């Protein structure tokens, strides 16, 4: 694994809160001292938040559609046979 792969793995672990406390502290020190790393992490965190927001909105739409179908007794239609 080269240095870039290792850094990418560290960033991934940081963003997904999978970093041990001691490693997190060291990584956050690096973030303070490395503007390029900080920008990269901020961009990836932003993408993660947008992705999570999109998933939440999709789930809400699906839940709403399911509730509408339940109101129309759509799921009960097959059990009348």
PDB file of N, CA and C in Angstrom:
ATOM      1  N   UNK A   1       0.860  -1.166   0.000  1.00  0.00           N
ATOM      2  CA  UNK A   1       0.000   0.000   0.000  1.00  0.00           C
ATOM      3  C   UNK A   1       0.915   1.241   0.000  1.00  0.00           C
ATOM      4  N   UNK A   2       0.695   2.140  -0.965  1.00  0.00           N
ATOM      5  CA  UNK A   2       1.536   3.334  -1.015  1.00  0.00           C
ATOM      6  C   UNK A   2       0.996   4.428  -0.089  1.00  0.00           C
ATOM      7  N   UNK A   3       1.726   5.530   0.012  1.00  0.00           N
ATOM      8  CA  UNK A   3       1.358   6.604   0.941  1.00  0.00           C
ATOM      9  C   UNK A   3      -0.013   7.200   0.625  1.00  0.00           C
ATOM     10  N   UNK A   4      -0.331   7.356  -0.668  1.00  0.00           N
ATOM     11  CA  UNK A   4      -1.632   7.919  -1.043  1.00  0.00           C
ATOM     12  C   UNK A   4      -2.762   6.984  -0.641  1.00  0.00           C
ATOM     13  N   UNK A   5      -2.579   5.700  -0.865  1.00  0.00           N
ATOM     14  CA  UNK A   5      -3.593   4.723  -0.460  1.00  0.00           C
ATOM     15  C   UNK A   5      -3.795   4.741   1.053  1.00  0.00           C
ATOM     16  N   UNK A   6      -2.692   4.848   1.783  1.00  0.00           N
ATOM     17  CA  UNK A   6      -2.767   4.888   3.240  1.00  0.00           C
ATOM     18  C   UNK A   6      -3.498   6.146   3.701  1.00  0.00           C
ATOM     19  N   UNK A   7      -3.179   7.287   3.086  1.00  0.00           N
ATOM     20  CA  UNK A   7      -3.855   8.534   3.436  1.00  0.00           C
ATOM     21  C   UNK A   7      -5.338   8.453   3.098  1.00  0.00           C
ATOM     22  N   UNK A   8      -5.665   7.903   1.934  1.00  0.00           N
ATOM     23  CA  UNK A   8      -7.085   7.741   1.554  1.00  0.00           C
ATOM     24  C   UNK A   8      -7.819   6.879   2.566  1.00  0.00           C
ATOM     25  N   UNK A   9      -7.175   5.814   3.032  1.00  0.00           N
ATOM     26  CA  UNK A   9      -7.784   4.935   4.027  1.00  0.00           C
ATOM     27  C   UNK A   9      -7.980   5.675   5.353  1.00  0.00           C
ATOM     28  N   UNK A  10      -7.000   6.494   5.738  1.00  0.00           N
ATOM     29  CA  UNK A  10      -7.133   7.284   6.960  1.00  0.00           C
ATOM     30  C   UNK A  10      -8.300   8.272   6.839  1.00  0.00           C
ATOM     31  N   UNK A  11      -8.390   8.940   5.701  1.00  0.00           N
ATOM     32  CA  UNK A  11      -9.481   9.892   5.485  1.00  0.00           C
ATOM     33  C   UNK A  11     -10.818   9.175   5.550  1.00  0.00           C
ATOM     34  N   UNK A  12     -10.906   8.030   4.896  1.00  0.00           N
ATOM     35  CA  UNK A  12     -12.147   7.244   4.921  1.00  0.00           C
ATOM     36  C   UNK A  12     -12.520   6.861   6.349  1.00  0.00           C
ATOM     37  N   UNK A  13     -11.555   6.382   7.104  1.00  0.00           N
ATOM     38  CA  UNK A  13     -11.815   6.000   8.495  1.00  0.00           C
ATOM     39  C   UNK A  13     -12.224   7.207   9.332  1.00  0.00           C
ATOM     40  N   UNK A  14     -11.605   8.354   9.089  1.00  0.00           N
ATOM     41  CA  UNK A  14     -11.951   9.568   9.831  1.00  0.00           C
ATOM     42  C   UNK A  14     -13.383   9.994   9.522  1.00  0.00           C
ATOM     43  N   UNK A  15     -13.714  10.035   8.258  1.00  0.00           N
ATOM     44  CA  UNK A  15     -15.047  10.485   7.835  1.00  0.00           C
ATOM     45  C   UNK A  15     -16.143   9.569   8.372  1.00  0.00           C
ATOM     46  N   UNK A  16     -15.867   8.288   8.441  1.00  0.00           N
ATOM     47  CA  UNK A  16     -16.866   7.320   8.894  1.00  0.00           C
ATOM     48  C   UNK A  16     -16.740   6.981  10.381  1.00  0.00           C
ATOM     49  N   UNK A  17     -15.982   7.790  11.108  1.00  0.00           N
ATOM     50  CA  UNK A  17     -15.809   7.620  12.561  1.00  0.00           C
ATOM     51  C   UNK A  17     -15.338   6.219  12.947  1.00  0.00           C
ATOM     52  N   UNK A  18     -14.392   5.693  12.176  1.00  0.00           N
ATOM     53  CA  UNK A  18     -13.847   4.359  12.463  1.00  0.00           C
ATOM     54  C   UNK A  18     -12.395   4.427  12.911  1.00  0.00           C
ATOM     55  N   UNK A  19     -11.985   5.604  13.358  1.00  0.00           N
ATOM     56  CA  UNK A  19     -10.592   5.806  13.729  1.00  0.00           C
ATOM     57  C   UNK A  19     -10.455   5.730  15.248  1.00  0.00           C
ATOM     58  N   UNK A  20      -9.484   4.958  15.743  1.00  0.00           N
ATOM     59  CA  UNK A  20      -9.248   4.934  17.195  1.00  0.00           C
ATOM     60  C   UNK A  20      -8.914   6.338  17.706  1.00  0.00           C
ATOM     61  N   UNK A  21      -9.201   6.588  18.976  1.00  0.00           N
ATOM     62  CA  UNK A  21      -9.024   7.930  19.540  1.00  0.00           C
ATOM     63  C   UNK A  21      -7.619   8.485  19.335  1.00  0.00           C
ATOM     64  N   UNK A  22      -6.602   7.714  19.622  1.00  0.00           N
ATOM     65  CA  UNK A  22      -5.221   8.197  19.499  1.00  0.00           C
ATOM     66  C   UNK A  22      -4.902   8.575  18.052  1.00  0.00           C
ATOM     67  N   UNK A  23      -5.347   7.739  17.110  1.00  0.00           N
ATOM     68  CA  UNK A  23      -5.111   8.021  15.692  1.00  0.00           C
ATOM     69  C   UNK A  23      -5.913   9.246  15.251  1.00  0.00           C
ATOM     70  N   UNK A  24      -7.135   9.385  15.776  1.00  0.00           N
ATOM     71  CA  UNK A  24      -7.972  10.534  15.450  1.00  0.00           C
ATOM     72  C   UNK A  24      -7.297  11.839  15.900  1.00  0.00           C
ATOM     73  N   UNK A  25      -6.738  11.834  17.095  1.00  0.00           N
ATOM     74  CA  UNK A  25      -6.064  13.022  17.622  1.00  0.00           C
ATOM     75  C   UNK A  25      -4.903  13.420  16.714  1.00  0.00           C
ATOM     76  N   UNK A  26      -4.110  12.448  16.310  1.00  0.00           N
ATOM     77  CA  UNK A  26      -2.974  12.729  15.412  1.00  0.00           C
ATOM     78  C   UNK A  26      -3.468  13.212  14.047  1.00  0.00           C
ATOM     79  N   UNK A  27      -4.530  12.601  13.544  1.00  0.00           N
ATOM     80  CA  UNK A  27      -5.065  12.999  12.242  1.00  0.00           C
ATOM     81  C   UNK A  27      -5.599  14.429  12.305  1.00  0.00           C
ATOM     82  N   UNK A  28      -6.258  14.780  13.390  1.00  0.00           N
ATOM     83  CA  UNK A  28      -6.794  16.134  13.535  1.00  0.00           C
ATOM     84  C   UNK A  28      -5.677  17.169  13.666  1.00  0.00           C
ATOM     85  N   UNK A  29      -4.555  16.787  14.245  1.00  0.00           N
ATOM     86  CA  UNK A  29      -3.382  17.674  14.256  1.00  0.00           C
ATOM     87  C   UNK A  29      -2.904  17.909  12.829  1.00  0.00           C
ATOM     88  N   UNK A  30      -2.866  16.832  12.042  1.00  0.00           N
ATOM     89  CA  UNK A  30      -2.455  16.960  10.645  1.00  0.00           C
ATOM     90  C   UNK A  30      -3.429  17.855   9.876  1.00  0.00           C
ATOM     91  N   UNK A  31      -4.716  17.734  10.187  1.00  0.00           N
ATOM     92  CA  UNK A  31      -5.720  18.584   9.529  1.00  0.00           C
ATOM     93  C   UNK A  31      -5.456  20.067   9.803  1.00  0.00           C
ATOM     94  N   UNK A  32      -5.081  20.380  11.031  1.00  0.00           N
ATOM     95  CA  UNK A  32      -4.816  21.778  11.398  1.00  0.00           C
ATOM     96  C   UNK A  32      -3.612  22.333  10.654  1.00  0.00           C
ATOM     97  N   UNK A  33      -2.634  21.479  10.385  1.00  0.00           N
ATOM     98  CA  UNK A  33      -1.374  21.927   9.790  1.00  0.00           C
ATOM     99  C   UNK A  33      -1.292  21.746   8.280  1.00  0.00           C
ATOM    100  N   UNK A  34      -2.279  21.110   7.679  1.00  0.00           N
ATOM    101  CA  UNK A  34      -2.211  20.812   6.251  1.00  0.00           C
ATOM    102  C   UNK A  34      -3.495  21.288   5.566  1.00  0.00           C
ATOM    103  N   UNK A  35      -3.477  22.491   4.992  1.00  0.00           N
ATOM    104  CA  UNK A  35      -4.686  23.042   4.360  1.00  0.00           C
ATOM    105  C   UNK A  35      -5.230  22.165   3.220  1.00  0.00           C
ATOM    106  N   UNK A  36      -4.350  21.533   2.476  1.00  0.00           N
ATOM    107  CA  UNK A  36      -4.796  20.671   1.373  1.00  0.00           C
ATOM    108  C   UNK A  36      -5.561  19.455   1.902  1.00  0.00           C
ATOM    109  N   UNK A  37      -5.038  18.850   2.941  1.00  0.00           N
ATOM    110  CA  UNK A  37      -5.716  17.716   3.571  1.00  0.00           C
ATOM    111  C   UNK A  37      -7.058  18.164   4.142  1.00  0.00           C
ATOM    112  N   UNK A  38      -7.055  19.311   4.819  1.00  0.00           N
ATOM    113  CA  UNK A  38      -8.286  19.834   5.414  1.00  0.00           C
ATOM    114  C   UNK A  38      -9.351  20.078   4.341  1.00  0.00           C
ATOM    115  N   UNK A  39      -8.953  20.679   3.217  1.00  0.00           N
ATOM    116  CA  UNK A  39      -9.888  20.927   2.124  1.00  0.00           C
ATOM    117  C   UNK A  39     -10.444  19.614   1.580  1.00  0.00           C
ATOM    118  N   UNK A  40      -9.573  18.634   1.407  1.00  0.00           N
ATOM    119  CA  UNK A  40      -9.988  17.322   0.903  1.00  0.00           C
ATOM    120  C   UNK A  40     -11.010  16.681   1.837  1.00  0.00           C
ATOM    121  N   UNK A  41     -10.734  16.713   3.138  1.00  0.00           N
ATOM    122  CA  UNK A  41     -11.635  16.104   4.123  1.00  0.00           C
ATOM    123  C   UNK A  41     -12.967  16.856   4.160  1.00  0.00           C
ATOM    124  N   UNK A  42     -12.924  18.168   4.117  1.00  0.00           N
ATOM    125  CA  UNK A  42     -14.162  18.961   4.126  1.00  0.00           C
ATOM    126  C   UNK A  42     -15.014  18.642   2.906  1.00  0.00           C
ATOM    127  N   UNK A  43     -14.384  18.525   1.748  1.00  0.00           N
ATOM    128  CA  UNK A  43     -15.131  18.192   0.528  1.00  0.00           C
ATOM    129  C   UNK A  43     -15.780  16.813   0.648  1.00  0.00           C
ATOM    130  N   UNK A  44     -15.032  15.857   1.166  1.00  0.00           N
ATOM    131  CA  UNK A  44     -15.579  14.503   1.288  1.00  0.00           C
ATOM    132  C   UNK A  44     -16.679  14.442   2.352  1.00  0.00           C
ATOM    133  N   UNK A  45     -16.513  15.167   3.445  1.00  0.00           N
ATOM    134  CA  UNK A  45     -17.566  15.222   4.465  1.00  0.00           C
ATOM    135  C   UNK A  45     -18.833  15.857   3.889  1.00  0.00           C
ATOM    136  N   UNK A  46     -18.659  16.881   3.076  1.00  0.00           N
ATOM    137  CA  UNK A  46     -19.801  17.533   2.433  1.00  0.00           C
ATOM    138  C   UNK A  46     -20.529  16.551   1.518  1.00  0.00           C
ATOM    139  N   UNK A  47     -19.774  15.798   0.733  1.00  0.00           N
ATOM    140  CA  UNK A  47     -20.383  14.787  -0.135  1.00  0.00           C
ATOM    141  C   UNK A  47     -21.127  13.736   0.675  1.00  0.00           C
ATOM    142  N   UNK A  48     -20.533  13.320   1.782  1.00  0.00           N
ATOM    143  CA  UNK A  48     -21.183  12.318   2.640  1.00  0.00           C
ATOM    144  C   UNK A  48     -22.505  12.861   3.183  1.00  0.00           C
ATOM    145  N   UNK A  49     -22.488  14.115   3.642  1.00  0.00           N
ATOM    146  CA  UNK A  49     -23.709  14.723   4.171  1.00  0.00           C
ATOM    147  C   UNK A  49     -24.781  14.841   3.093  1.00  0.00           C
ATOM    148  N   UNK A  50     -24.379  15.253   1.897  1.00  0.00           N
ATOM    149  CA  UNK A  50     -25.344  15.357   0.799  1.00  0.00           C
ATOM    150  C   UNK A  50     -25.918  13.993   0.432  1.00  0.00           C
ATOM    151  N   UNK A  51     -25.070  12.988   0.405  1.00  0.00           N
ATOM    152  CA  UNK A  51     -25.510  11.625   0.112  1.00  0.00           C
ATOM    153  C   UNK A  51     -26.509  11.149   1.165  1.00  0.00           C
ATOM    154  N   UNK A  52     -26.175  11.379   2.437  1.00  0.00           N
ATOM    155  CA  UNK A  52     -27.082  10.980   3.519  1.00  0.00           C
ATOM    156  C   UNK A  52     -28.404  11.729   3.433  1.00  0.00           C
ATOM    157  N   UNK A  53     -28.346  13.006   3.066  1.00  0.00           N
ATOM    158  CA  UNK A  53     -29.563  13.807   2.918  1.00  0.00           C
ATOM    159  C   UNK A  53     -30.426  13.244   1.783  1.00  0.00           C
ATOM    160  N   UNK A  54     -29.788  12.901   0.671  1.00  0.00           N
ATOM    161  CA  UNK A  54     -30.514  12.314  -0.459  1.00  0.00           C
ATOM    162  C   UNK A  54     -31.161  10.990  -0.057  1.00  0.00           C
ATOM    163  N   UNK A  55     -30.440  10.161   0.679  1.00  0.00           N
ATOM    164  CA  UNK A  55     -31.005   8.891   1.135  1.00  0.00           C
ATOM    165  C   UNK A  55     -32.204   9.113   2.054  1.00  0.00           C
ATOM    166  N   UNK A  56     -32.087  10.074   2.962  1.00  0.00           N
ATOM    167  CA  UNK A  56     -33.184  10.376   3.876  1.00  0.00           C
ATOM    168  C   UNK A  56     -34.408  10.854   3.099  1.00  0.00           C
ATOM    169  N   UNK A  57     -34.193  11.747   2.131  1.00  0.00           N
ATOM    170  CA  UNK A  57     -35.312  12.246   1.338  1.00  0.00           C
ATOM    171  C   UNK A  57     -35.966  11.122   0.530  1.00  0.00           C
ATOM    172  N   UNK A  58     -35.161  10.231  -0.018  1.00  0.00           N
ATOM    173  CA  UNK A  58     -35.705   9.094  -0.759  1.00  0.00           C
ATOM    174  C   UNK A  58     -36.512   8.191   0.157  1.00  0.00           C
ATOM    175  N   UNK A  59     -36.004   7.925   1.357  1.00  0.00           N
ATOM    176  CA  UNK A  59     -36.732   7.087   2.315  1.00  0.00           C
ATOM    177  C   UNK A  59     -38.056   7.734   2.686  1.00  0.00           C
ATOM    178  N   UNK A  60     -38.061   9.043   2.888  1.00  0.00           N
ATOM    179  CA  UNK A  60     -39.292   9.741   3.232  1.00  0.00           C
ATOM    180  C   UNK A  60     -40.307   9.636   2.090  1.00  0.00           C
ATOM    181  N   UNK A  61     -39.844   9.756   0.848  1.00  0.00           N
ATOM    182  CA  UNK A  61     -40.744   9.622  -0.304  1.00  0.00           C
ATOM    183  C   UNK A  61     -41.310   8.205  -0.390  1.00  0.00           C
ATOM    184  N   UNK A  62     -40.446   7.223  -0.167  1.00  0.00           N
ATOM    185  CA  UNK A  62     -40.913   5.833  -0.211  1.00  0.00           C
ATOM    186  C   UNK A  62     -41.911   5.546   0.909  1.00  0.00           C
ATOM    187  N   UNK A  63     -41.639   6.059   2.102  1.00  0.00           N
ATOM    188  CA  UNK A  63     -42.566   5.880   3.223  1.00  0.00           C
ATOM    189  C   UNK A  63     -43.910   6.542   2.923  1.00  0.00           C
ATOM    190  N   UNK A  64     -43.857   7.723   2.327  1.00  0.00           N
ATOM    191  CA  UNK A  64     -45.082   8.440   1.977  1.00  0.00           C
ATOM    192  C   UNK A  64     -45.888   7.660   0.932  1.00  0.00           C
ATOM    193  N   UNK A  65     -45.192   7.141  -0.080  1.00  0.00           N
ATOM    194  CA  UNK A  65     -45.872   6.353  -1.111  1.00  0.00           C
ATOM    195  C   UNK A  65     -46.484   5.095  -0.509  1.00  0.00           C
ATOM    196  N   UNK A  66     -45.756   4.450   0.395  1.00  0.00           N
ATOM    197  CA  UNK A  66     -46.279   3.252   1.051  1.00  0.00           C
ATOM    198  C   UNK A  66     -47.521   3.586   1.876  1.00  0.00           C
ATOM    199  N   UNK A  67     -47.493   4.695   2.571  1.00  0.00           N
ATOM    200  CA  UNK A  67     -48.655   5.106   3.366  1.00  0.00           C
ATOM    201  C   UNK A  67     -49.859   5.392   2.481  1.00  0.00           C
ATOM    202  N   UNK A  68     -49.628   6.017   1.338  1.00  0.00           N
ATOM    203  CA  UNK A  68     -50.726   6.285   0.403  1.00  0.00           C
ATOM    204  C   UNK A  68     -51.323   4.975  -0.113  1.00  0.00           C
ATOM    205  N   UNK A  69     -50.454   4.025  -0.432  1.00  0.00           N
ATOM    206  CA  UNK A  69     -50.942   2.730  -0.910  1.00  0.00           C
ATOM    207  C   UNK A  69     -51.719   1.996   0.177  1.00  0.00           C
ATOM    208  N   UNK A  70     -51.272   2.132   1.407  1.00  0.00           N
ATOM    209  CA  UNK A  70     -52.001   1.507   2.513  1.00  0.00           C
ATOM    210  C   UNK A  70     -53.375   2.142   2.675  1.00  0.00           C
ATOM    211  N   UNK A  71     -53.447   3.467   2.530  1.00  0.00           N
ATOM    212  CA  UNK A  71     -54.729   4.168   2.633  1.00  0.00           C
ATOM    213  C   UNK A  71     -55.701   3.673   1.565  1.00  0.00           C
ATOM    214  N   UNK A  72     -55.169   3.395   0.391  1.00  0.00           N
ATOM    215  CA  UNK A  72     -56.003   2.910  -0.711  1.00  0.00           C
ATOM    216  C   UNK A  72     -56.222   1.402  -0.624  1.00  0.00           C
ATOM    217  N   UNK A  73     -55.721   0.794   0.432  1.00  0.00           N
ATOM    218  CA  UNK A  73     -55.820  -0.643   0.657  1.00  0.00           C
ATOM    219  C   UNK A  73     -55.253  -1.447  -0.515  1.00  0.00           C
ATOM    220  N   UNK A  74     -54.223  -0.886  -1.129  1.00  0.00           N
ATOM    221  CA  UNK A  74     -53.566  -1.510  -2.270  1.00  0.00           C
ATOM    222  C   UNK A  74     -53.004  -2.888  -1.913  1.00  0.00           C
ATOM    223  N   UNK A  75     -52.428  -2.999  -0.713  1.00  0.00           N
ATOM    224  CA  UNK A  75     -51.807  -4.254  -0.317  1.00  0.00           C
ATOM    225  C   UNK A  75     -52.854  -5.315   0.045  1.00  0.00           C
ATOM    226  N   UNK A  76     -54.074  -4.903   0.343  1.00  0.00           N
ATOM    227  CA  UNK A  76     -55.134  -5.842   0.694  1.00  0.00           C
ATOM    228  C   UNK A  76     -55.828  -6.422  -0.546  1.00  0.00           C
ATOM    229  N   UNK A  77     -55.625  -5.832  -1.705  1.00  0.00           N
ATOM    230  CA  UNK A  77     -56.331  -6.236  -2.922  1.00  0.00           C
ATOM    231  C   UNK A  77     -56.052  -7.682  -3.291  1.00  0.00           C
ATOM    232  N   UNK A  78     -54.850  -8.162  -3.108  1.00  0.00           N
ATOM    233  CA  UNK A  78     -54.509  -9.528  -3.460  1.00  0.00           C
ATOM    234  C   UNK A  78     -55.068 -10.557  -2.515  1.00  0.00           C
ATOM    235  N   UNK A  79     -55.468 -10.185  -1.312  1.00  0.00           N
ATOM    236  CA  UNK A  79     -55.913 -11.162  -0.327  1.00  0.00           C
ATOM    237  C   UNK A  79     -57.407 -11.463  -0.444  1.00  0.00           C
ATOM    238  N   UNK A  80     -58.114 -10.806  -1.384  1.00  0.00           N
ATOM    239  CA  UNK A  80     -59.552 -11.029  -1.535  1.00  0.00           C
ATOM    240  C   UNK A  80     -59.866 -12.227  -2.406  1.00  0.00           C
ATOM    241  N   UNK A  81     -58.848 -12.846  -3.016  1.00  0.00           N
ATOM    242  CA  UNK A  81     -59.110 -13.972  -3.918  1.00  0.00           C
ATOM    243  C   UNK A  81     -59.481 -15.224  -3.192  1.00  0.00           C
TER     244      UNK A  81
END
